[in-house]
C-alpha cells in the first residue's frame, strides 16, 4: 500500500505510533486495517520488552478520584521510571482512567500474582468439587479447574478486567499502550477504594 501523508496522520491519530512506524506499517500492509494490526502487534512486543527490563519504577504519582456526591473515593499509586513521564498527559490520563475503573468495578487485587495462595486454593477446591467438573474426563479436570478459577478471579483483578469504557479492551492493554507510547515501564503499585458506610 502506498503511504500518503493523510494516511500517516490518520494512522498516528488512531494508534499513537510515531510517524516513521506508521509509514513503515502502511508500506508493508495491503490495507489500512492491516497496518493498524501490524502497529498493534509491534506495540505489544515493544511493551513486553520494556516490561522485561529491570529499570526501577520509583517515580510516578499518587492520585485520587472522588465520585459525585462524595460517597466513593479511590487513592492510586501509579509508578514509572522518570518524572518526565510522570508529568506527561498520557500518564495522567491513564491514572484517571484507572481510578475510575477501580471506583466502578471494585477490584480486590492489582494482578493475579497478588491473589493470596490460600484464596486460590479454596477456589480450586470448590471448582474441583463442582458437579459439572466431576462429569468431565479425569485428565481434563485440572485444566477446567484452572480455567474456572482464572475466570472467577478476573473480575477481582484490576489488570484483567474489561475496561468500563470499552469492554473489548482489558485494563492491562490501557497500561501497555502508555508503556508503548512513553517507552518506559509503568506499574500499578497499589490502590484503595473507599465507599461511604463500608
Protein backbone atom coordinates (compact mmCIF):
# COMPACT_ATOMS: atom_id res chain seq x y z
CA UNK A 1 0.00 0.00 0.00
CA UNK A 2 1.24 3.49 -0.76
CA UNK A 3 1.74 5.66 2.33
CA UNK A 4 0.29 9.14 1.81
CA UNK A 5 0.74 11.94 4.34
CA UNK A 6 -3.01 11.86 5.13
CA UNK A 7 -2.86 8.12 5.81
CA UNK A 8 0.16 8.54 8.10
CA UNK A 9 -1.61 11.30 10.05
CA UNK A 10 -4.81 9.26 10.34
CA UNK A 11 -2.89 6.16 11.47
CA UNK A 12 -0.99 8.20 14.07
CA UNK A 13 -4.25 9.56 15.47
CA UNK A 14 -5.73 6.08 15.72
CA UNK A 15 -2.73 4.27 17.17
CA UNK A 16 -0.48 6.87 18.80
CA UNK A 17 2.52 5.38 16.98
CA UNK A 18 5.35 7.51 15.63
CA UNK A 19 5.30 8.83 12.05
CA UNK A 20 8.09 6.56 10.82
CA UNK A 21 6.44 3.49 12.33
CA UNK A 22 3.14 4.47 10.68
CA UNK A 23 4.76 4.98 7.29
CA UNK A 24 6.58 1.64 7.53
CA UNK A 25 3.38 -0.19 8.53
CA UNK A 26 1.45 1.39 5.66
CA UNK A 27 4.07 0.39 3.08
CA UNK A 28 4.22 -3.19 4.43
CA UNK A 29 0.45 -3.68 4.71
CA UNK A 30 -2.03 -4.27 1.91
CA UNK A 31 -4.88 -2.40 3.62
CA UNK A 32 -5.28 0.34 6.21
CA UNK A 33 -6.79 -2.12 8.73
CA UNK A 34 -3.83 -4.44 8.25
CA UNK A 35 -1.49 -1.52 9.02
CA UNK A 36 -3.35 -0.93 12.29
CA UNK A 37 -2.96 -4.60 13.23
CA UNK A 38 0.75 -4.50 12.39
CA UNK A 39 1.25 -1.48 14.64
CA UNK A 40 -0.73 -3.08 17.47
CA UNK A 41 1.37 -6.26 17.27
CA UNK A 42 4.62 -4.30 17.21
CA UNK A 43 3.42 -2.10 20.05
CA UNK A 44 2.55 -5.14 22.18
CA UNK A 45 6.00 -6.64 21.56
CA UNK A 46 7.65 -3.31 22.42
CA UNK A 47 5.62 -3.04 25.65
CA UNK A 48 6.60 -6.59 26.68
CA UNK A 49 10.25 -5.79 26.01
CA UNK A 50 10.07 -2.63 28.15
CA UNK A 51 8.34 -4.54 30.97
CA UNK A 52 11.13 -7.14 30.87
CA UNK A 53 13.81 -4.56 31.55
CA UNK A 54 14.89 -4.25 35.16
CA UNK A 55 14.58 -0.46 35.39
CA UNK A 56 13.33 0.81 38.72
CA UNK A 57 9.90 2.38 38.77
CA UNK A 58 10.15 4.79 41.70
CA UNK A 59 8.74 7.89 40.02
CA UNK A 60 5.09 8.45 39.23
CA UNK A 61 2.22 9.87 41.15
CA UNK A 62 -0.35 9.25 43.81
CA UNK A 63 -3.72 10.43 42.57
CA UNK A 64 -7.29 10.33 43.75
CA UNK A 65 -10.81 10.25 42.41
CA UNK A 66 -13.88 11.31 44.37
CA UNK A 67 -17.22 10.31 42.85
CA UNK A 68 -20.03 12.85 42.54
CA UNK A 69 -21.72 13.33 45.88
CA UNK A 70 -18.59 12.37 47.80
CA UNK A 71 -19.78 8.87 48.74
CA UNK A 72 -16.99 6.98 46.90
CA UNK A 73 -13.29 7.62 46.52
CA UNK A 74 -10.14 5.98 45.16
CA UNK A 75 -6.48 6.53 46.01
CA UNK A 76 -3.99 5.12 43.47
CA UNK A 77 -0.20 4.88 43.25
CA UNK A 78 1.00 4.58 39.64
CA UNK A 79 4.75 4.30 39.04
CA UNK A 80 7.14 4.83 36.13
CA UNK A 81 10.91 5.29 35.74
CA UNK A 82 11.24 9.06 35.23
CA UNK A 83 9.48 12.19 36.43
CA UNK A 84 9.33 13.32 32.79
CA UNK A 85 6.88 10.51 32.00
CA UNK A 86 5.05 11.02 35.31
CA UNK A 87 4.26 14.61 34.24
CA UNK A 88 3.10 13.60 30.75
CA UNK A 89 -0.55 13.90 29.80
CA UNK A 90 -0.72 10.22 28.70
CA UNK A 91 0.43 9.09 32.16
CA UNK A 92 -2.01 11.38 33.98
CA UNK A 93 -4.87 10.27 31.73
CA UNK A 94 -4.04 6.62 32.45
CA UNK A 95 -4.07 7.34 36.19
CA UNK A 96 -7.52 8.99 35.91
CA UNK A 97 -8.89 6.08 33.86
CA UNK A 98 -7.56 3.55 36.38
CA UNK A 99 -9.12 5.45 39.29
CA UNK A 100 -12.49 5.50 37.55
CA UNK A 101 -12.16 1.78 36.74
CA UNK A 102 -11.44 0.97 40.40
CA UNK A 103 -14.34 3.14 41.57
CA UNK A 104 -16.75 1.45 39.17
CA UNK A 105 -15.70 -2.20 39.47
CA UNK A 106 -14.24 -2.56 42.99
CA UNK A 107 -11.33 -4.91 42.21
CA UNK A 108 -9.51 -6.55 45.13
CA UNK A 109 -6.08 -7.13 43.55
CA UNK A 110 -3.80 -5.43 41.03
CA UNK A 111 -2.59 -8.64 39.29
CA UNK A 112 -3.04 -12.41 39.56
CA UNK A 113 0.29 -12.59 41.39
CA UNK A 114 -1.26 -10.54 44.24
CA UNK A 115 -4.02 -13.08 44.96
CA UNK A 116 -3.11 -14.95 48.18
CA UNK A 117 -2.33 -18.64 47.72
CA UNK A 118 -5.00 -19.67 50.26
CA UNK A 119 -7.69 -17.84 48.27
CA UNK A 120 -6.60 -19.61 45.08
CA UNK A 121 -6.51 -22.96 46.93
CA UNK A 122 -10.07 -22.52 48.24
CA UNK A 123 -11.33 -21.58 44.79
CA UNK A 124 -9.58 -24.58 43.20
CA UNK A 125 -11.12 -26.95 45.77
CA UNK A 126 -14.60 -25.51 45.20
CA UNK A 127 -14.19 -25.76 41.42
CA UNK A 128 -12.81 -29.33 41.65
CA UNK A 129 -15.88 -30.42 43.66
CA UNK A 130 -18.31 -28.78 41.22
CA UNK A 131 -20.66 -31.49 39.83
CA UNK A 132 -20.17 -30.14 36.28
CA UNK A 133 -16.39 -30.56 36.58
CA UNK A 134 -16.73 -34.06 38.07
CA UNK A 135 -18.65 -35.15 34.94
CA UNK A 136 -15.62 -34.35 32.76
CA UNK A 137 -12.83 -36.84 31.98
CA UNK A 138 -10.23 -37.03 34.79
CA UNK A 139 -7.36 -35.95 32.52
CA UNK A 140 -9.19 -32.70 31.60
CA UNK A 141 -10.40 -31.69 35.07
CA UNK A 142 -7.26 -29.85 36.20
CA UNK A 143 -7.30 -27.68 33.10
CA UNK A 144 -11.02 -26.97 33.57
CA UNK A 145 -10.49 -26.09 37.26
CA UNK A 146 -7.66 -23.66 36.39
CA UNK A 147 -9.82 -22.03 33.72
CA UNK A 148 -12.75 -21.60 36.14
CA UNK A 149 -10.53 -20.13 38.87
CA UNK A 150 -8.90 -17.71 36.44
CA UNK A 151 -12.30 -16.63 35.11
CA UNK A 152 -13.69 -16.07 38.62
CA UNK A 153 -10.59 -14.12 39.71
CA UNK A 154 -10.53 -11.99 36.56
CA UNK A 155 -13.41 -9.88 37.89
CA UNK A 156 -11.41 -9.18 41.07
CA UNK A 157 -8.06 -8.45 39.37
CA UNK A 158 -7.75 -4.90 38.06
CA UNK A 159 -5.41 -5.61 35.13
CA UNK A 160 -7.59 -8.49 33.89
CA UNK A 161 -10.91 -6.64 33.99
CA UNK A 162 -12.53 -5.34 30.82
CA UNK A 163 -12.24 -1.56 30.63
CA UNK A 164 -15.52 0.10 31.65
CA UNK A 165 -15.48 2.41 28.60
CA UNK A 166 -14.87 -0.38 26.06
CA UNK A 167 -15.37 -3.96 27.28
CA UNK A 168 -13.39 -5.38 24.35
CA UNK A 169 -10.21 -3.88 25.84
CA UNK A 170 -8.67 -5.28 29.05
CA UNK A 171 -7.26 -2.76 31.53
CA UNK A 172 -3.78 -4.26 31.02
CA UNK A 173 -3.92 -3.08 27.37
CA UNK A 174 -4.50 0.51 28.53
CA UNK A 175 -1.31 0.29 30.58
CA UNK A 176 0.58 -1.40 27.72
CA UNK A 177 -0.48 1.34 25.29
CA UNK A 178 1.02 4.03 27.53
CA UNK A 179 4.16 1.90 28.01
CA UNK A 180 4.49 1.72 24.23
CA UNK A 181 3.98 5.48 23.82
CA UNK A 182 6.39 6.50 26.58
CA UNK A 183 9.00 3.76 26.21
CA UNK A 184 9.03 3.25 29.99
CA UNK A 185 7.65 0.55 32.22
CA UNK A 186 4.55 1.57 34.14
CA UNK A 187 3.43 -0.28 37.25
CA UNK A 188 0.17 -0.06 39.15
CA UNK A 189 1.69 -0.27 42.62
CA UNK A 190 -1.41 -0.20 44.85
CA UNK A 191 -4.85 1.27 45.32
CA UNK A 192 -7.51 1.74 47.95
CA UNK A 193 -11.21 2.20 47.34
CA UNK A 194 -13.33 3.92 49.96
CA UNK A 195 -17.10 3.69 49.95
CA UNK A 196 -19.23 5.57 52.46
CA UNK A 197 -20.52 3.25 55.19
CA UNK A 198 -18.34 0.23 54.26
